[in-house]
N, C-alpha and C. Protein backbone atom coordinates (compact mmCIF):
# COMPACT_ATOMS: atom_id res chain seq x y z
N UNK A 1 -10.65 15.71 9.05
CA UNK A 1 -11.89 14.43 9.07
C UNK A 1 -12.23 13.96 7.76
N UNK A 2 -11.92 12.71 7.52
CA UNK A 2 -12.04 11.85 6.00
C UNK A 2 -13.34 12.18 6.07
N UNK A 3 -14.00 12.25 4.21
CA UNK A 3 -15.09 12.37 3.68
C UNK A 3 -15.64 11.40 3.83
N UNK A 4 -17.41 11.11 4.38
CA UNK A 4 -17.80 10.22 4.26
C UNK A 4 -18.11 9.24 3.05
N UNK A 5 -18.30 10.28 1.54
CA UNK A 5 -18.04 9.08 1.23
C UNK A 5 -17.09 8.49 0.62
N UNK A 6 -15.56 8.95 1.22
CA UNK A 6 -14.52 8.44 1.02
C UNK A 6 -14.22 6.92 1.89
N UNK A 7 -14.91 7.24 2.90
CA UNK A 7 -15.42 6.06 3.55
C UNK A 7 -15.83 5.26 3.13
N UNK A 8 -17.04 5.30 2.77
CA UNK A 8 -17.63 4.30 1.96
C UNK A 8 -17.18 3.63 1.13
N UNK A 9 -16.53 3.96 -0.01
CA UNK A 9 -16.09 3.59 -1.04
C UNK A 9 -14.99 3.38 -0.53
N UNK A 10 -14.06 3.54 0.41
CA UNK A 10 -13.04 2.52 0.56
C UNK A 10 -13.53 0.96 1.52
N UNK A 11 -14.92 1.62 1.88
CA UNK A 11 -15.20 0.27 2.81
C UNK A 11 -15.83 -0.89 1.62
N UNK A 12 -16.37 -0.23 0.57
CA UNK A 12 -17.18 -1.10 -0.26
C UNK A 12 -15.91 -2.18 -1.21
N UNK A 13 -14.69 -0.80 -0.82
CA UNK A 13 -13.63 -2.01 -1.59
C UNK A 13 -13.31 -3.28 -1.06
N UNK A 14 -13.13 -2.60 -0.02
CA UNK A 14 -12.34 -3.91 1.13
C UNK A 14 -13.39 -5.18 1.16
N UNK A 15 -14.82 -4.71 1.38
CA UNK A 15 -15.27 -5.76 1.47
C UNK A 15 -15.85 -6.56 0.29
N UNK A 16 -15.71 -5.94 -0.95
CA UNK A 16 -15.61 -6.61 -2.25
C UNK A 16 -14.40 -7.65 -2.32
N UNK A 17 -13.32 -6.96 -1.46
CA UNK A 17 -12.21 -7.99 -1.88
C UNK A 17 -11.56 -8.92 -0.82
N UNK A 18 -12.43 -8.64 0.18
CA UNK A 18 -11.78 -9.75 1.07
C UNK A 18 -13.12 -10.39 1.43
N UNK A 19 -14.34 -10.41 1.12
CA UNK A 19 -15.91 -10.32 2.00
C UNK A 19 -15.65 -10.43 3.33
N UNK A 20 -15.41 -9.40 3.24
CA UNK A 20 -15.16 -9.17 5.02
C UNK A 20 -14.87 -10.08 5.63
N UNK A 21 -13.33 -11.18 5.32
CA UNK A 21 -13.04 -11.33 6.21
C UNK A 21 -11.77 -11.70 6.46
N UNK A 22 -10.77 -12.17 7.49
CA UNK A 22 -9.32 -11.81 7.72
C UNK A 22 -8.84 -10.47 7.93
N UNK A 23 -7.68 -10.54 8.65
CA UNK A 23 -6.98 -9.48 9.29
C UNK A 23 -6.17 -8.99 7.84
N UNK A 24 -5.75 -7.66 7.40
CA UNK A 24 -5.24 -7.07 6.90
C UNK A 24 -4.24 -6.34 6.96
N UNK A 25 -2.83 -6.66 5.96
CA UNK A 25 -1.82 -5.78 6.15
C UNK A 25 -1.50 -4.57 5.63
N UNK A 26 -1.32 -3.57 6.35
CA UNK A 26 -0.86 -2.77 5.06
C UNK A 26 0.37 -2.54 4.32
N UNK A 27 0.95 -2.59 3.25
CA UNK A 27 2.18 -2.09 2.97
C UNK A 27 2.56 -0.65 3.01
N UNK A 28 3.12 0.42 4.13
CA UNK A 28 3.01 1.94 3.82
C UNK A 28 4.44 2.56 3.82
N UNK A 29 4.74 3.08 2.87
CA UNK A 29 5.95 4.01 2.25
C UNK A 29 6.02 5.25 3.06
N UNK A 30 4.74 5.93 3.55
CA UNK A 30 5.29 7.28 3.60
C UNK A 30 5.58 8.37 2.96
N UNK A 31 4.69 8.11 1.40
CA UNK A 31 3.50 8.37 0.62
C UNK A 31 2.17 8.92 0.93
N UNK A 32 1.55 9.56 0.33
CA UNK A 32 0.40 10.69 0.54
C UNK A 32 -0.40 9.09 -0.08
N UNK A 33 -0.27 8.45 -1.08
CA UNK A 33 -1.14 7.03 -1.13
C UNK A 33 -1.04 6.12 -0.42
N UNK A 34 -0.21 5.69 0.54
CA UNK A 34 -0.31 4.73 1.22
C UNK A 34 -0.41 5.36 2.75
N UNK A 35 0.00 6.45 2.87
CA UNK A 35 -0.54 7.43 4.46
C UNK A 35 -2.20 6.97 4.22
N UNK A 36 -2.72 7.43 3.32
CA UNK A 36 -4.19 7.89 3.22
C UNK A 36 -4.87 5.94 2.88
N UNK A 37 -4.33 5.27 2.60
CA UNK A 37 -4.49 3.65 3.12
C UNK A 37 -4.54 3.29 4.26
N UNK A 38 -3.28 3.81 5.30
CA UNK A 38 -3.85 3.70 6.41
C UNK A 38 -4.47 4.12 7.48
N UNK A 39 -4.79 5.77 7.36
CA UNK A 39 -5.85 6.47 7.54
C UNK A 39 -7.19 6.11 7.28
N UNK A 40 -7.28 5.45 6.44
CA UNK A 40 -8.57 4.90 5.30
C UNK A 40 -8.92 3.53 6.58
N UNK A 41 -8.02 2.67 6.42
CA UNK A 41 -8.04 1.58 7.03
C UNK A 41 -8.37 1.76 8.82
N UNK A 42 -7.78 2.58 9.13
CA UNK A 42 -8.12 2.94 10.91
C UNK A 42 -9.33 2.98 11.07
N UNK A 43 -9.72 4.01 10.59
CA UNK A 43 -11.12 4.55 10.11
C UNK A 43 -11.99 3.24 10.28
N UNK A 44 -11.69 2.73 9.48
CA UNK A 44 -12.75 1.89 8.96
C UNK A 44 -12.93 0.19 9.67
N UNK A 45 -11.52 0.19 9.74
CA UNK A 45 -11.34 -1.33 10.42
C UNK A 45 -9.78 -1.39 11.46
N UNK A 46 -10.42 -0.49 12.46
CA UNK A 46 -9.09 -0.23 13.62
C UNK A 46 -8.77 -1.49 14.07
N UNK A 47 -9.42 -2.72 13.96
CA UNK A 47 -8.59 -3.89 14.61
C UNK A 47 -8.60 -4.79 13.82
N UNK A 48 -8.67 -4.84 12.75
CA UNK A 48 -8.44 -5.76 11.86
C UNK A 48 -7.50 -5.86 11.06
N UNK A 49 -6.09 -4.69 11.26
CA UNK A 49 -5.11 -3.97 10.69
C UNK A 49 -3.79 -4.21 10.92
N UNK A 50 -2.54 -4.05 10.45
CA UNK A 50 -1.03 -4.13 10.86
C UNK A 50 -0.54 -3.01 9.66
N UNK A 51 0.68 -2.41 10.12
CA UNK A 51 1.24 -2.12 8.65
C UNK A 51 2.56 -2.34 9.00
N UNK A 52 3.33 -2.49 7.38
CA UNK A 52 4.34 -2.38 7.33
C UNK A 52 5.57 -1.44 6.72
N UNK A 53 6.41 -1.46 6.38
CA UNK A 53 7.25 -0.24 5.83
C UNK A 53 8.58 -1.40 5.50
N UNK A 54 8.49 -1.12 3.71
CA UNK A 54 9.99 -2.26 3.39
C UNK A 54 10.94 -0.90 3.42
N UNK A 55 11.77 -1.00 3.77
CA UNK A 55 13.52 -0.64 3.90
C UNK A 55 14.32 -1.04 2.68
N UNK A 56 14.54 -1.21 1.52
CA UNK A 56 15.27 -1.68 0.61
C UNK A 56 16.72 -1.48 1.03
N UNK A 57 17.39 -0.44 1.54
CA UNK A 57 18.43 0.33 2.20
C UNK A 57 18.77 0.41 0.48
N UNK A 58 17.86 1.52 -0.48
CA UNK A 58 18.59 1.88 -1.64
C UNK A 58 18.87 3.22 -1.44
N UNK A 59 18.22 3.64 -0.63
CA UNK A 59 18.22 5.25 -0.47
C UNK A 59 18.20 5.96 1.12
N UNK A 60 19.36 6.65 0.97
CA UNK A 60 19.52 7.09 2.59
C UNK A 60 18.32 7.65 3.79
N UNK A 61 17.25 8.27 2.51
CA UNK A 61 16.02 8.80 3.32
C UNK A 61 15.27 7.52 3.70
N UNK A 62 15.51 6.53 3.14
CA UNK A 62 14.18 5.51 3.36
C UNK A 62 14.04 4.68 5.19
N UNK A 63 15.18 5.09 5.77
CA UNK A 63 15.24 4.56 6.86
C UNK A 63 14.36 5.48 7.87
N UNK A 64 14.39 6.70 7.42
CA UNK A 64 14.28 7.99 8.06
C UNK A 64 12.32 7.80 7.86
N UNK A 65 11.84 7.37 6.59
CA UNK A 65 10.79 7.16 5.74
C UNK A 65 10.23 6.24 6.97
N UNK A 66 10.54 4.86 7.09
CA UNK A 66 10.44 4.10 7.37
C UNK A 66 9.87 4.43 9.65
N UNK A 67 10.61 5.25 10.00
CA UNK A 67 10.55 5.30 10.94
C UNK A 67 9.36 6.43 11.34
N UNK A 68 9.21 7.60 10.76
CA UNK A 68 7.87 8.55 10.09
C UNK A 68 7.09 7.72 10.04
N UNK A 69 6.74 6.57 9.40
CA UNK A 69 5.80 5.82 9.31
C UNK A 69 5.31 5.07 10.56
N UNK A 70 6.40 4.32 11.21
CA UNK A 70 6.35 3.79 12.39
C UNK A 70 5.64 4.59 13.62
N UNK A 71 6.24 5.81 13.87
CA UNK A 71 5.66 6.92 14.98
C UNK A 71 4.06 7.00 14.74
N UNK A 72 3.69 7.50 12.69
CA UNK A 72 2.37 7.63 12.71
C UNK A 72 1.46 6.13 12.91
N UNK A 73 1.98 5.09 13.31
CA UNK A 73 0.90 3.73 13.61
C UNK A 73 0.97 4.06 15.32
N UNK A 74 2.57 4.19 16.01
CA UNK A 74 2.26 4.17 16.98
C UNK A 74 1.33 5.34 17.21
N UNK A 75 1.07 6.45 17.37
CA UNK A 75 0.39 7.24 17.81
C UNK A 75 -1.48 6.86 17.56
N UNK A 76 -1.53 6.06 16.55
CA UNK A 76 -2.65 5.44 16.40
C UNK A 76 -2.67 4.26 16.98
N UNK A 77 -2.04 3.47 17.60
CA UNK A 77 -2.00 2.63 18.24
C UNK A 77 -2.11 1.10 17.35
N UNK A 78 -1.55 1.01 16.15
CA UNK A 78 -1.61 0.29 15.12
C UNK A 78 -0.08 -0.24 14.89
N UNK A 79 -0.23 -1.46 15.10
CA UNK A 79 1.06 -2.48 15.23
C UNK A 79 1.67 -2.24 13.75
N UNK A 80 3.10 -1.53 13.54
CA UNK A 80 3.83 -1.36 12.71
C UNK A 80 5.38 -2.61 12.57
N UNK A 81 5.90 -3.03 11.32
CA UNK A 81 7.39 -3.41 11.53
C UNK A 81 7.69 -2.56 10.36
N UNK A 82 8.79 -2.63 10.24
CA UNK A 82 10.15 -2.11 9.72
C UNK A 82 10.61 -3.97 8.85
N UNK A 83 11.06 -3.57 7.55
CA UNK A 83 11.51 -4.89 7.01
C UNK A 83 12.64 -4.38 6.28
N UNK A 84 13.37 -5.59 6.13
CA UNK A 84 14.79 -5.37 5.38
C UNK A 84 14.82 -6.42 4.93
N UNK A 85 15.53 -6.94 3.78
CA UNK A 85 16.20 -7.56 2.88
C UNK A 85 17.23 -8.12 3.68
N UNK A 86 17.65 -9.02 3.57
CA UNK A 86 18.80 -9.95 4.32
C UNK A 86 19.76 -9.97 3.23
N UNK A 87 19.61 -9.61 2.53
CA UNK A 87 20.60 -9.50 1.31
C UNK A 87 20.60 -7.98 0.62
N UNK A 88 21.70 -7.47 -0.08
CA UNK A 88 21.62 -6.18 -0.53
C UNK A 88 20.97 -6.71 -2.41
N UNK A 89 20.34 -5.49 -2.35
CA UNK A 89 19.28 -5.55 -3.56
C UNK A 89 20.50 -5.60 -4.58
N UNK A 90 20.37 -6.46 -5.63
CA UNK A 90 21.29 -6.84 -6.99
C UNK A 90 20.35 -6.66 -8.37
N UNK A 91 21.45 -6.55 -9.40
CA UNK A 91 20.98 -6.71 -10.43
C UNK A 91 20.16 -5.77 -11.34
N UNK A 92 18.80 -5.97 -11.87
CA UNK A 92 18.07 -4.97 -11.96
C UNK A 92 17.30 -4.54 -10.91
N UNK A 93 17.85 -3.32 -10.39
CA UNK A 93 17.18 -2.46 -9.46
C UNK A 93 15.84 -2.78 -9.05
N UNK A 94 15.15 -2.33 -9.91
CA UNK A 94 13.56 -1.86 -9.77
C UNK A 94 13.02 -3.17 -9.79
N UNK A 95 13.17 -3.92 -10.76
CA UNK A 95 12.45 -5.43 -10.42
C UNK A 95 13.05 -6.23 -9.18
N UNK A 96 14.09 -6.25 -8.46
CA UNK A 96 14.76 -6.96 -7.42
C UNK A 96 14.02 -6.24 -6.26
N UNK A 97 13.88 -5.12 -6.29
CA UNK A 97 13.48 -4.55 -5.12
C UNK A 97 11.88 -4.88 -5.00
N UNK A 98 10.82 -4.94 -5.60
CA UNK A 98 9.87 -5.12 -6.19
C UNK A 98 9.97 -6.65 -5.84
N UNK A 99 10.69 -8.02 -6.57
CA UNK A 99 10.75 -9.29 -5.51
C UNK A 99 11.17 -9.13 -4.41
N UNK A 100 11.79 -8.29 -3.96
CA UNK A 100 12.09 -8.26 -2.18
C UNK A 100 11.12 -7.52 -1.59
N UNK A 101 10.58 -7.06 -1.79
CA UNK A 101 9.10 -6.33 -1.40
C UNK A 101 8.38 -7.33 -0.89
N UNK A 102 7.63 -7.68 -2.11
CA UNK A 102 6.65 -8.51 -2.31
C UNK A 102 6.99 -10.18 -1.16
N UNK A 103 8.28 -10.60 -1.71
CA UNK A 103 8.32 -11.63 -0.48
C UNK A 103 8.61 -11.37 1.04
N UNK A 104 9.53 -10.21 1.17
CA UNK A 104 9.27 -9.65 2.74
C UNK A 104 7.62 -9.37 3.61
N UNK A 105 7.12 -8.68 2.53
CA UNK A 105 5.76 -8.62 2.66
C UNK A 105 4.78 -9.73 2.99
N UNK A 106 4.93 -10.83 1.75
CA UNK A 106 4.22 -12.64 2.37
C UNK A 106 4.98 -13.17 3.50
N UNK A 107 6.26 -13.19 3.93
CA UNK A 107 6.61 -13.62 4.66
C UNK A 107 6.01 -12.65 6.16
N UNK A 108 5.78 -11.48 6.15
CA UNK A 108 5.46 -10.55 7.19
C UNK A 108 3.62 -10.71 7.54
N UNK A 109 3.03 -11.04 6.24
CA UNK A 109 1.88 -11.56 6.48
C UNK A 109 1.95 -12.70 6.99
N UNK A 110 2.50 -13.74 6.70
CA UNK A 110 2.23 -15.56 7.33
C UNK A 110 2.59 -14.95 9.19
N UNK A 111 3.87 -13.97 9.28
CA UNK A 111 4.51 -14.34 10.76
C UNK A 111 3.37 -13.85 11.72
N UNK A 112 2.80 -12.62 11.14
CA UNK A 112 1.47 -11.93 11.86
C UNK A 112 -0.10 -12.07 11.79
N UNK A 113 -0.22 -13.54 10.98
CA UNK A 113 -1.80 -14.19 10.25
C UNK A 113 -2.43 -13.15 9.52
N UNK A 114 -2.25 -12.44 9.07
CA UNK A 114 -2.89 -11.94 8.33
C UNK A 114 -2.91 -12.35 6.70
N UNK A 115 -4.30 -12.13 6.68
CA UNK A 115 -4.48 -13.05 5.55
C UNK A 115 -4.61 -12.05 4.09
N UNK A 116 -4.44 -11.06 3.73
CA UNK A 116 -4.68 -9.83 3.28
C UNK A 116 -3.39 -8.96 3.21
N UNK A 117 -2.83 -8.94 2.02
CA UNK A 117 -1.41 -7.64 1.95
C UNK A 117 -2.32 -6.78 1.00
N UNK A 118 -2.34 -5.72 1.44
CA UNK A 118 -2.98 -4.01 0.67
C UNK A 118 -1.89 -3.54 0.29
N UNK A 119 -2.40 -3.19 -1.15
CA UNK A 119 -1.27 -1.84 -1.47
C UNK A 119 -2.02 -0.72 -1.42
N UNK A 120 -1.10 0.47 -2.43
CA UNK A 120 -1.53 1.55 -2.02
C UNK A 120 -1.40 1.76 -3.79
N UNK A 121 -1.92 1.26 -4.73
CA UNK A 121 -2.05 1.19 -6.22
C UNK A 121 -3.49 1.95 -6.70
N UNK A 122 -3.43 3.37 -7.00
CA UNK A 122 -4.70 3.78 -7.38
C UNK A 122 -4.80 4.41 -8.67
N UNK A 123 -5.80 5.10 -9.37
CA UNK A 123 -6.14 5.10 -10.64
C UNK A 123 -5.10 5.66 -11.37
N UNK A 124 -4.42 6.62 -10.80
CA UNK A 124 -3.43 7.36 -11.43
C UNK A 124 -2.30 6.60 -12.22
N UNK A 125 -2.27 5.46 -10.87
CA UNK A 125 -1.62 4.39 -11.46
C UNK A 125 -1.96 3.38 -12.80
N UNK A 126 -2.79 3.07 -12.20
CA UNK A 126 -3.47 2.35 -13.15
C UNK A 126 -3.22 2.84 -14.83
N UNK A 127 -3.72 4.19 -15.45
CA UNK A 127 -3.56 4.72 -16.18
C UNK A 127 -1.95 4.79 -16.49
N UNK A 128 -0.80 4.90 -15.60
CA UNK A 128 0.66 5.22 -15.85
C UNK A 128 0.72 3.76 -16.99
N UNK A 129 0.55 2.51 -16.18
CA UNK A 129 0.68 1.25 -16.21
C UNK A 129 0.47 1.12 -16.94
N UNK A 130 -0.80 1.32 -18.18
CA UNK A 130 -2.00 1.26 -19.50
C UNK A 130 -0.75 1.77 -20.32
N UNK A 131 -0.56 3.23 -20.01
CA UNK A 131 0.62 3.54 -20.81
C UNK A 131 1.86 3.10 -21.53
N UNK A 132 2.28 2.72 -20.07
CA UNK A 132 3.74 2.44 -20.47
C UNK A 132 3.58 1.12 -21.38
N UNK A 133 2.47 0.12 -20.84
CA UNK A 133 2.62 -0.65 -21.90
C UNK A 133 2.03 -1.26 -22.75
N UNK A 134 1.38 0.38 -23.35
CA UNK A 134 0.97 0.39 -24.59
C UNK A 134 2.23 1.11 -25.49
N UNK A 135 3.29 1.60 -24.83
CA UNK A 135 4.18 2.44 -25.23
C UNK A 135 5.68 1.00 -26.20
N UNK A 136 5.39 -0.09 -24.99
CA UNK A 136 6.03 -1.23 -25.01
C UNK A 136 5.70 -2.12 -26.37
N UNK A 137 4.59 -1.63 -26.60
CA UNK A 137 3.56 -2.78 -27.53
C UNK A 137 2.86 -3.94 -27.00
N UNK A 138 2.63 -3.63 -25.87
CA UNK A 138 2.24 -4.90 -25.77
C UNK A 138 0.35 -5.81 -26.30
N UNK A 139 0.33 -6.70 -26.16
CA UNK A 139 -0.52 -6.98 -26.91
C UNK A 139 -2.36 -7.03 -25.79
N UNK A 140 -3.17 -6.99 -26.87
CA UNK A 140 -4.47 -7.17 -25.94
C UNK A 140 -4.40 -7.61 -24.22
N UNK A 141 -4.23 -8.70 -23.44
CA UNK A 141 -3.38 -9.53 -22.85
C UNK A 141 -2.42 -8.28 -21.91
N UNK A 142 -1.71 -7.77 -22.72
CA UNK A 142 -1.16 -6.90 -21.66
C UNK A 142 -1.19 -5.49 -21.48
N UNK A 143 -2.75 -5.27 -21.77
CA UNK A 143 -2.96 -3.95 -21.31
C UNK A 143 -4.17 -4.32 -20.30
N UNK A 144 -4.31 -5.07 -19.43
CA UNK A 144 -4.80 -5.64 -18.19
C UNK A 144 -4.79 -4.25 -17.00
N UNK A 145 -3.29 -3.88 -17.47
CA UNK A 145 -3.58 -3.35 -15.86
C UNK A 145 -3.16 -3.66 -14.59
N UNK A 146 -3.68 -2.77 -13.79
CA UNK A 146 -3.23 -3.83 -12.61
C UNK A 146 -4.62 -4.35 -11.93
N UNK A 147 -4.61 -5.09 -11.48
CA UNK A 147 -5.77 -6.27 -10.91
C UNK A 147 -6.11 -5.81 -9.47
N UNK A 148 -7.15 -5.76 -9.29
CA UNK A 148 -7.43 -5.42 -8.10
C UNK A 148 -7.08 -6.68 -6.69
N UNK A 149 -7.49 -7.44 -7.37
CA UNK A 149 -7.01 -8.56 -6.44
C UNK A 149 -6.15 -9.73 -6.81
N UNK A 150 -4.72 -9.98 -6.83
CA UNK A 150 -4.08 -11.04 -7.42
C UNK A 150 -3.30 -11.68 -6.21
N UNK A 151 -4.01 -12.96 -5.91
CA UNK A 151 -3.97 -13.83 -4.70
C UNK A 151 -4.28 -13.11 -3.46
N UNK A 152 -3.83 -13.04 -3.00
CA UNK A 152 -3.86 -12.45 -1.17
C UNK A 152 -3.34 -10.75 -1.40
N UNK A 153 -3.07 -10.51 -2.38
CA UNK A 153 -2.73 -8.87 -2.32
C UNK A 153 -3.86 -7.87 -2.76
N UNK A 154 -4.03 -7.11 -2.64
CA UNK A 154 -5.51 -6.53 -2.80
C UNK A 154 -5.03 -4.82 -2.91
N UNK A 155 -5.76 -4.36 -3.88
CA UNK A 155 -5.87 -2.92 -3.98
C UNK A 155 -7.07 -1.96 -3.86
N UNK A 156 -7.26 -2.10 -2.70
CA UNK A 156 -9.01 -1.19 -2.70
C UNK A 156 -8.38 0.20 -3.34
N UNK A 157 -7.50 0.67 -3.31
CA UNK A 157 -7.60 2.29 -3.97
C UNK A 157 -7.83 2.74 -5.41
N UNK A 158 -8.15 1.87 -6.07
CA UNK A 158 -7.84 1.94 -7.49
C UNK A 158 -8.98 2.87 -8.32
N UNK A 159 -10.12 2.75 -7.17
CA UNK A 159 -11.18 3.88 -7.53
C UNK A 159 -11.05 4.96 -7.27
N UNK A 160 -9.75 5.36 -6.59
CA UNK A 160 -9.38 6.75 -6.11
C UNK A 160 -7.90 7.44 -6.98
N UNK A 161 -8.41 8.86 -7.10
CA UNK A 161 -7.33 9.42 -7.12
C UNK A 161 -5.69 9.24 -6.90
N UNK A 162 -4.51 10.23 -6.97
CA UNK A 162 -4.07 10.45 -6.76
C UNK A 162 -3.80 11.56 -5.11
N UNK A 163 -4.94 12.66 -5.79
CA UNK A 163 -5.37 13.65 -5.86
C UNK A 163 -6.55 13.89 -4.36
N UNK A 164 -7.64 12.68 -4.80
CA UNK A 164 -8.01 12.25 -3.74
C UNK A 164 -7.62 11.85 -2.45
N UNK A 165 -6.05 11.20 -2.89
CA UNK A 165 -5.64 10.34 -1.64
C UNK A 165 -4.86 11.81 -0.67
N UNK A 166 -4.17 12.37 -1.48
CA UNK A 166 -3.37 14.15 -0.83
C UNK A 166 -4.44 14.64 0.21
N UNK A 167 -5.74 14.47 -0.22
CA UNK A 167 -6.90 15.28 0.30
C UNK A 167 -6.86 14.52 1.79
N UNK A 168 -7.18 12.79 1.53
CA UNK A 168 -7.55 12.15 2.73
C UNK A 168 -5.99 12.93 3.86
N UNK A 169 -5.26 12.84 3.24
CA UNK A 169 -4.01 12.95 4.13
C UNK A 169 -3.83 14.14 4.98
N UNK A 170 -4.02 15.27 4.37
CA UNK A 170 -4.73 16.73 4.22
C UNK A 170 -5.47 16.76 5.23
N UNK A 171 -6.75 16.18 5.46
CA UNK A 171 -7.98 15.72 6.08
C UNK A 171 -7.90 15.92 7.87
N UNK A 172 -7.04 14.67 7.52
CA UNK A 172 -6.62 13.78 9.08
C UNK A 172 -5.20 14.58 9.06
N UNK A 173 -4.93 15.76 8.88
CA UNK A 173 -3.20 16.59 9.50
C UNK A 173 -2.48 15.41 9.65
N UNK A 174 -1.81 15.01 8.52
CA UNK A 174 -0.69 14.09 8.11
C UNK A 174 -0.60 14.30 7.04
N UNK A 175 1.05 14.92 7.02
CA UNK A 175 1.86 15.44 5.87
C UNK A 175 3.01 14.48 5.71
N UNK A 176 2.63 13.77 4.46
CA UNK A 176 3.30 12.98 3.99
C UNK A 176 4.78 13.27 3.95
N UNK A 177 5.40 12.06 4.30
CA UNK A 177 7.15 12.26 4.28
C UNK A 177 7.96 11.85 2.95
N UNK A 178 7.36 11.46 2.25
CA UNK A 178 8.11 11.42 1.12
C UNK A 178 7.23 11.84 -0.50
């Protein structure tokens, strides 16, 4: 069972980011971060959510991971879609995959009537981003790290550590697939 304190923190973050309005789309990869996002959202807002998994077609395991998430969603009665790019990812793979992922999620959210797209970035990601930007010699403006809200993209887990998200998965008996 998810700790009450985690439910309160998540609820407050979502309410602050969405003003309590609109349906919420969850980007869920199958790792502990996004599965904790799914479990928290389902506990707090079961009638306001839908989930999607993006399979970029870059790794053989990705199809399995997408179906793994689909099964978790089906067991909880959560609408889930697997999104795939129409054309293969090319060029700078990381940048192209990110562009494709957000484009797919935006289109999916529009199609499903979702006001928000939620990603599972957490406090450890914040630190990693800051350190990478420092190493690249970013100026003060470049050190802003990850924003909690960027348009319709929201990140309610920035106040959670990766270890806390792993604990949430364990408390619900969900073993991450990745």
